[in-house]
Amino acid sequence: MEENQNEIEKETAETAEKTEEKPKDKKESKKEVKKLTEENEKLNESLSELTDRYTRMLAEYDNFRKRAQKEREGVYFDAVSDVINAILPIKDSLEMAMKFADESQLSQGVTMTLTKFGEILTKLGVEEFGNIGEEFDPNLHNGVLHCEDDTLGEQIIAEVLQKGYKKGDKIIRYAMVKVAN
């Protein structure tokens, strides 16, 4: 054990001798300072480059995240729109049947079905538009017929041939209308 301790003391003394600094002259100090300054500048440039790359990558990821969110919302709207477009002809047919209905139980059933249909569309956030008396808007209405009617103003919807539907700001189906004057 004493031998191990002697060896440890010897190694410690040798290490201390190696680490002792020898006095250097001014030229060597200036060279070392210059070398360290250059190394520091290189490291700062490298840090700046890595920071720039990180910032760009972060911005790119944020843009990707936003784009993916928009695509998901678009896919959802397209799916809802496709389903609603597929079932709207049924609603149109039921509404047409109600125009010719009498006071039978069958007409009451059709009325109840139309009411339920309207509730479901409301739950889905779908709104009807294109009513008689509204002002014609080419962004919402598809004007297929034109008539002269002195009782209605200019560019007023005189008849609705097919109702329009929208979800939020997006049009699912344009209203097909007859426009006066």
C-alpha atoms as a PDB file:
ATOM      1  CA  MET A   1       0.000   0.000   0.000  1.00  0.00           C
ATOM      2  CA  GLU A   2       2.893   2.309   0.776  1.00  0.00           C
ATOM      3  CA  GLU A   3       4.283   1.625  -2.671  1.00  0.00           C
ATOM      4  CA  ASN A   4       0.996   2.731  -4.285  1.00  0.00           C
ATOM      5  CA  GLN A   5       0.967   5.892  -2.253  1.00  0.00           C
ATOM      6  CA  ASN A   6       4.584   6.644  -3.245  1.00  0.00           C
ATOM      7  CA  GLU A   7       3.706   6.131  -6.913  1.00  0.00           C
ATOM      8  CA  ILE A   8       0.693   8.462  -6.632  1.00  0.00           C
ATOM      9  CA  GLU A   9       2.849  11.129  -4.993  1.00  0.00           C
ATOM     10  CA  LYS A  10       5.470  10.775  -7.749  1.00  0.00           C
ATOM     11  CA  GLU A  11       2.839  11.127 -10.491  1.00  0.00           C
ATOM     12  CA  THR A  12       1.339  14.150  -8.761  1.00  0.00           C
ATOM     13  CA  ALA A  13       4.741  15.821  -8.522  1.00  0.00           C
ATOM     14  CA  GLU A  14       5.488  15.093 -12.209  1.00  0.00           C
ATOM     15  CA  THR A  15       2.100  16.507 -13.262  1.00  0.00           C
ATOM     16  CA  ALA A  16       2.684  19.628 -11.182  1.00  0.00           C
ATOM     17  CA  GLU A  17       6.086  20.155 -12.855  1.00  0.00           C
ATOM     18  CA  LYS A  18       4.555  19.794 -16.330  1.00  0.00           C
ATOM     19  CA  THR A  19       1.734  22.224 -15.594  1.00  0.00           C
ATOM     20  CA  GLU A  20       3.995  24.888 -14.179  1.00  0.00           C
ATOM     21  CA  GLU A  21       4.135  27.682 -16.688  1.00  0.00           C
ATOM     22  CA  LYS A  22       7.403  28.968 -17.846  1.00  0.00           C
ATOM     23  CA  PRO A  23       7.731  32.666 -18.330  1.00  0.00           C
ATOM     24  CA  LYS A  24       7.160  33.539 -21.979  1.00  0.00           C
ATOM     25  CA  ASP A  25       8.431  36.460 -23.863  1.00  0.00           C
ATOM     26  CA  LYS A  26       6.167  39.141 -25.341  1.00  0.00           C
ATOM     27  CA  LYS A  27       6.327  37.863 -28.918  1.00  0.00           C
ATOM     28  CA  GLU A  28       5.020  34.441 -27.949  1.00  0.00           C
ATOM     29  CA  SER A  29       2.209  36.045 -25.929  1.00  0.00           C
ATOM     30  CA  LYS A  30       1.177  38.245 -28.846  1.00  0.00           C
ATOM     31  CA  LYS A  31       1.197  35.274 -31.215  1.00  0.00           C
ATOM     32  CA  GLU A  32      -0.919  33.280 -28.815  1.00  0.00           C
ATOM     33  CA  VAL A  33      -3.378  36.181 -28.358  1.00  0.00           C
ATOM     34  CA  LYS A  34      -3.603  36.598 -32.135  1.00  0.00           C
ATOM     35  CA  LYS A  35      -4.150  32.862 -32.597  1.00  0.00           C
ATOM     36  CA  LEU A  36      -6.836  32.804 -29.913  1.00  0.00           C
ATOM     37  CA  THR A  37      -8.515  35.886 -31.437  1.00  0.00           C
ATOM     38  CA  GLU A  38      -8.641  34.242 -34.867  1.00  0.00           C
ATOM     39  CA  GLU A  39     -10.000  31.051 -33.350  1.00  0.00           C
ATOM     40  CA  ASN A  40     -12.623  33.083 -31.481  1.00  0.00           C
ATOM     41  CA  GLU A  41     -13.672  34.820 -34.734  1.00  0.00           C
ATOM     42  CA  LYS A  42     -14.007  31.481 -36.515  1.00  0.00           C
ATOM     43  CA  LEU A  43     -16.135  30.113 -33.700  1.00  0.00           C
ATOM     44  CA  ASN A  44     -18.325  33.237 -33.737  1.00  0.00           C
ATOM     45  CA  GLU A  45     -18.822  32.885 -37.527  1.00  0.00           C
ATOM     46  CA  SER A  46     -19.697  29.224 -37.083  1.00  0.00           C
ATOM     47  CA  LEU A  47     -22.142  30.087 -34.303  1.00  0.00           C
ATOM     48  CA  SER A  48     -23.709  32.799 -36.460  1.00  0.00           C
ATOM     49  CA  GLU A  49     -24.096  30.376 -39.373  1.00  0.00           C
ATOM     50  CA  LEU A  50     -25.667  27.697 -37.156  1.00  0.00           C
ATOM     51  CA  THR A  51     -28.013  30.246 -35.578  1.00  0.00           C
ATOM     52  CA  ASP A  52     -29.093  31.403 -39.051  1.00  0.00           C
ATOM     53  CA  ARG A  53     -29.696  27.810 -40.184  1.00  0.00           C
ATOM     54  CA  TYR A  54     -31.691  27.102 -37.023  1.00  0.00           C
ATOM     55  CA  THR A  55     -33.824  30.227 -37.504  1.00  0.00           C
ATOM     56  CA  ARG A  56     -34.524  29.344 -41.136  1.00  0.00           C
ATOM     57  CA  MET A  57     -35.396  25.754 -40.254  1.00  0.00           C
ATOM     58  CA  LEU A  58     -37.730  26.939 -37.493  1.00  0.00           C
ATOM     59  CA  ALA A  59     -39.505  29.302 -39.917  1.00  0.00           C
ATOM     60  CA  GLU A  60     -39.739  26.536 -42.516  1.00  0.00           C
ATOM     61  CA  TYR A  61     -41.280  24.169 -39.974  1.00  0.00           C
ATOM     62  CA  ASP A  62     -43.783  26.825 -38.893  1.00  0.00           C
ATOM     63  CA  ASN A  63     -44.808  27.368 -42.536  1.00  0.00           C
ATOM     64  CA  PHE A  64     -45.150  23.611 -43.035  1.00  0.00           C
ATOM     65  CA  ARG A  65     -47.331  23.326 -39.939  1.00  0.00           C
ATOM     66  CA  LYS A  66     -49.627  26.127 -41.133  1.00  0.00           C
ATOM     67  CA  ARG A  67     -49.836  24.652 -44.644  1.00  0.00           C
ATOM     68  CA  ALA A  68     -50.689  21.211 -43.260  1.00  0.00           C
ATOM     69  CA  GLN A  69     -53.418  22.732 -41.047  1.00  0.00           C
ATOM     70  CA  LYS A  70     -54.958  24.498 -44.066  1.00  0.00           C
ATOM     71  CA  GLU A  71     -54.868  21.262 -46.057  1.00  0.00           C
ATOM     72  CA  ARG A  72     -56.624  19.363 -43.246  1.00  0.00           C
ATOM     73  CA  GLU A  73     -59.322  22.034 -43.067  1.00  0.00           C
ATOM     74  CA  GLY A  74     -59.685  21.915 -46.853  1.00  0.00           C
ATOM     75  CA  VAL A  75     -60.054  18.148 -46.850  1.00  0.00           C
ATOM     76  CA  TYR A  76     -62.745  18.375 -44.156  1.00  0.00           C
ATOM     77  CA  PHE A  77     -64.656  21.048 -46.068  1.00  0.00           C
ATOM     78  CA  ASP A  78     -64.400  19.044 -49.301  1.00  0.00           C
ATOM     79  CA  ALA A  79     -65.720  15.913 -47.577  1.00  0.00           C
ATOM     80  CA  VAL A  80     -68.660  17.773 -45.995  1.00  0.00           C
ATOM     81  CA  SER A  81     -69.366  19.540 -49.269  1.00  0.00           C
ATOM     82  CA  ASP A  82     -69.374  16.272 -51.245  1.00  0.00           C
ATOM     83  CA  VAL A  83     -71.762  14.590 -48.815  1.00  0.00           C
ATOM     84  CA  ILE A  84     -74.128  17.557 -48.715  1.00  0.00           C
ATOM     85  CA  ASN A  85     -74.085  17.881 -52.522  1.00  0.00           C
ATOM     86  CA  ALA A  86     -74.979  14.195 -52.764  1.00  0.00           C
ATOM     87  CA  ILE A  87     -78.050  14.529 -50.496  1.00  0.00           C
ATOM     88  CA  LEU A  88     -79.329  17.976 -51.548  1.00  0.00           C
ATOM     89  CA  PRO A  89     -81.245  16.581 -54.558  1.00  0.00           C
ATOM     90  CA  ILE A  90     -83.305  14.533 -52.097  1.00  0.00           C
ATOM     91  CA  LYS A  91     -84.194  17.695 -50.189  1.00  0.00           C
ATOM     92  CA  ASP A  92     -85.050  19.445 -53.455  1.00  0.00           C
ATOM     93  CA  SER A  93     -87.353  16.579 -54.420  1.00  0.00           C
ATOM     94  CA  LEU A  94     -89.104  16.653 -51.039  1.00  0.00           C
ATOM     95  CA  GLU A  95     -89.621  20.417 -51.323  1.00  0.00           C
ATOM     96  CA  MET A  96     -91.054  19.962 -54.824  1.00  0.00           C
ATOM     97  CA  ALA A  97     -93.402  17.278 -53.480  1.00  0.00           C
ATOM     98  CA  MET A  98     -94.610  19.712 -50.800  1.00  0.00           C
ATOM     99  CA  LYS A  99     -95.661  22.212 -53.482  1.00  0.00           C
ATOM    100  CA  PHE A 100     -98.217  19.684 -54.747  1.00  0.00           C
ATOM    101  CA  ALA A 101     -99.158  18.121 -51.404  1.00  0.00           C
ATOM    102  CA  ASP A 102    -102.600  18.074 -49.858  1.00  0.00           C
ATOM    103  CA  GLU A 103    -103.443  17.722 -46.152  1.00  0.00           C
ATOM    104  CA  SER A 104    -102.807  13.978 -45.984  1.00  0.00           C
ATOM    105  CA  GLN A 105    -100.619  12.085 -43.587  1.00  0.00           C
ATOM    106  CA  LEU A 106     -98.104  11.593 -46.364  1.00  0.00           C
ATOM    107  CA  SER A 107     -97.616  15.353 -46.713  1.00  0.00           C
ATOM    108  CA  GLN A 108     -97.217  15.643 -42.940  1.00  0.00           C
ATOM    109  CA  GLY A 109     -94.505  12.994 -43.088  1.00  0.00           C
ATOM    110  CA  VAL A 110     -92.723  14.858 -45.873  1.00  0.00           C
ATOM    111  CA  THR A 111     -92.947  18.087 -43.819  1.00  0.00           C
ATOM    112  CA  MET A 112     -91.453  16.360 -40.786  1.00  0.00           C
ATOM    113  CA  THR A 113     -88.673  14.914 -42.953  1.00  0.00           C
ATOM    114  CA  LEU A 114     -87.873  18.368 -44.373  1.00  0.00           C
ATOM    115  CA  THR A 115     -87.811  19.852 -40.872  1.00  0.00           C
ATOM    116  CA  LYS A 116     -85.397  17.165 -39.679  1.00  0.00           C
ATOM    117  CA  PHE A 117     -83.286  17.690 -42.786  1.00  0.00           C
ATOM    118  CA  GLY A 118     -83.053  21.429 -42.023  1.00  0.00           C
ATOM    119  CA  GLU A 119     -82.034  20.741 -38.419  1.00  0.00           C
ATOM    120  CA  ILE A 120     -79.236  18.438 -39.527  1.00  0.00           C
ATOM    121  CA  LEU A 121     -77.908  21.004 -42.007  1.00  0.00           C
ATOM    122  CA  THR A 122     -77.981  23.647 -39.259  1.00  0.00           C
ATOM    123  CA  LYS A 123     -76.004  21.356 -36.923  1.00  0.00           C
ATOM    124  CA  LEU A 124     -73.415  20.921 -39.665  1.00  0.00           C
ATOM    125  CA  GLY A 125     -73.141  24.704 -39.985  1.00  0.00           C
ATOM    126  CA  VAL A 126     -74.729  24.798 -43.440  1.00  0.00           C
ATOM    127  CA  GLU A 127     -76.861  27.834 -44.267  1.00  0.00           C
ATOM    128  CA  GLU A 128     -79.502  28.212 -46.973  1.00  0.00           C
ATOM    129  CA  PHE A 129     -79.502  31.304 -49.152  1.00  0.00           C
ATOM    130  CA  GLY A 130     -81.233  32.573 -52.252  1.00  0.00           C
ATOM    131  CA  ASN A 131     -84.739  33.700 -51.267  1.00  0.00           C
ATOM    132  CA  ILE A 132     -87.293  35.643 -53.241  1.00  0.00           C
ATOM    133  CA  GLY A 133     -86.870  39.380 -52.737  1.00  0.00           C
ATOM    134  CA  GLU A 134     -83.123  39.265 -52.038  1.00  0.00           C
ATOM    135  CA  GLU A 135     -80.772  41.287 -54.199  1.00  0.00           C
ATOM    136  CA  PHE A 136     -79.021  39.274 -56.891  1.00  0.00           C
ATOM    137  CA  ASP A 137     -75.337  38.655 -56.120  1.00  0.00           C
ATOM    138  CA  PRO A 138     -73.350  36.894 -58.871  1.00  0.00           C
ATOM    139  CA  ASN A 139     -70.950  35.576 -56.212  1.00  0.00           C
ATOM    140  CA  LEU A 140     -73.793  33.615 -54.589  1.00  0.00           C
ATOM    141  CA  HIS A 141     -76.482  33.241 -57.225  1.00  0.00           C
ATOM    142  CA  ASN A 142     -76.567  31.635 -60.627  1.00  0.00           C
ATOM    143  CA  GLY A 143     -79.006  33.741 -62.643  1.00  0.00           C
ATOM    144  CA  VAL A 144     -80.483  31.429 -65.290  1.00  0.00           C
ATOM    145  CA  LEU A 145     -83.656  33.346 -66.171  1.00  0.00           C
ATOM    146  CA  HIS A 146     -84.601  37.000 -66.494  1.00  0.00           C
ATOM    147  CA  CYS A 147     -88.029  38.606 -66.323  1.00  0.00           C
ATOM    148  CA  GLU A 148     -89.563  42.061 -66.402  1.00  0.00           C
ATOM    149  CA  ASP A 149     -91.613  42.815 -63.274  1.00  0.00           C
ATOM    150  CA  ASP A 150     -92.590  46.333 -62.282  1.00  0.00           C
ATOM    151  CA  THR A 151     -93.428  45.281 -58.702  1.00  0.00           C
ATOM    152  CA  LEU A 152     -89.831  44.210 -58.040  1.00  0.00           C
ATOM    153  CA  GLY A 153     -86.764  46.416 -58.132  1.00  0.00           C
ATOM    154  CA  GLU A 154     -83.775  45.994 -60.367  1.00  0.00           C
ATOM    155  CA  GLN A 155     -81.565  42.940 -59.798  1.00  0.00           C
ATOM    156  CA  ILE A 156     -84.022  41.383 -57.317  1.00  0.00           C
ATOM    157  CA  ILE A 157     -84.629  37.635 -57.195  1.00  0.00           C
ATOM    158  CA  ALA A 158     -88.119  36.935 -58.578  1.00  0.00           C
ATOM    159  CA  GLU A 159     -88.073  33.148 -58.281  1.00  0.00           C
ATOM    160  CA  VAL A 160     -85.796  30.551 -56.722  1.00  0.00           C
ATOM    161  CA  LEU A 161     -85.377  27.493 -58.923  1.00  0.00           C
ATOM    162  CA  GLN A 162     -82.867  25.808 -56.621  1.00  0.00           C
ATOM    163  CA  LYS A 163     -81.727  27.026 -53.195  1.00  0.00           C
ATOM    164  CA  GLY A 164     -78.094  27.724 -52.498  1.00  0.00           C
ATOM    165  CA  TYR A 165     -76.094  26.415 -49.549  1.00  0.00           C
ATOM    166  CA  LYS A 166     -72.894  27.571 -47.884  1.00  0.00           C
ATOM    167  CA  LYS A 167     -70.768  26.559 -44.904  1.00  0.00           C
ATOM    168  CA  GLY A 168     -69.083  29.567 -43.379  1.00  0.00           C
ATOM    169  CA  ASP A 169     -67.708  31.644 -46.239  1.00  0.00           C
ATOM    170  CA  LYS A 170     -67.463  28.724 -48.659  1.00  0.00           C
ATOM    171  CA  ILE A 171     -70.189  27.999 -51.156  1.00  0.00           C
ATOM    172  CA  ILE A 172     -71.399  24.396 -51.355  1.00  0.00           C
ATOM    173  CA  ARG A 173     -73.990  25.027 -54.071  1.00  0.00           C
ATOM    174  CA  TYR A 174     -74.923  28.273 -55.809  1.00  0.00           C
ATOM    175  CA  ALA A 175     -78.577  29.290 -55.825  1.00  0.00           C
ATOM    176  CA  MET A 176     -80.240  28.984 -59.228  1.00  0.00           C
ATOM    177  CA  VAL A 177     -82.555  31.991 -59.583  1.00  0.00           C
ATOM    178  CA  LYS A 178     -84.751  34.040 -61.906  1.00  0.00           C
ATOM    179  CA  VAL A 179     -83.812  37.728 -61.764  1.00  0.00           C
ATOM    180  CA  ALA A 180     -86.198  40.627 -62.300  1.00  0.00           C
ATOM    181  CA  ASN A 181     -85.549  43.666 -64.505  1.00  0.00           C
END
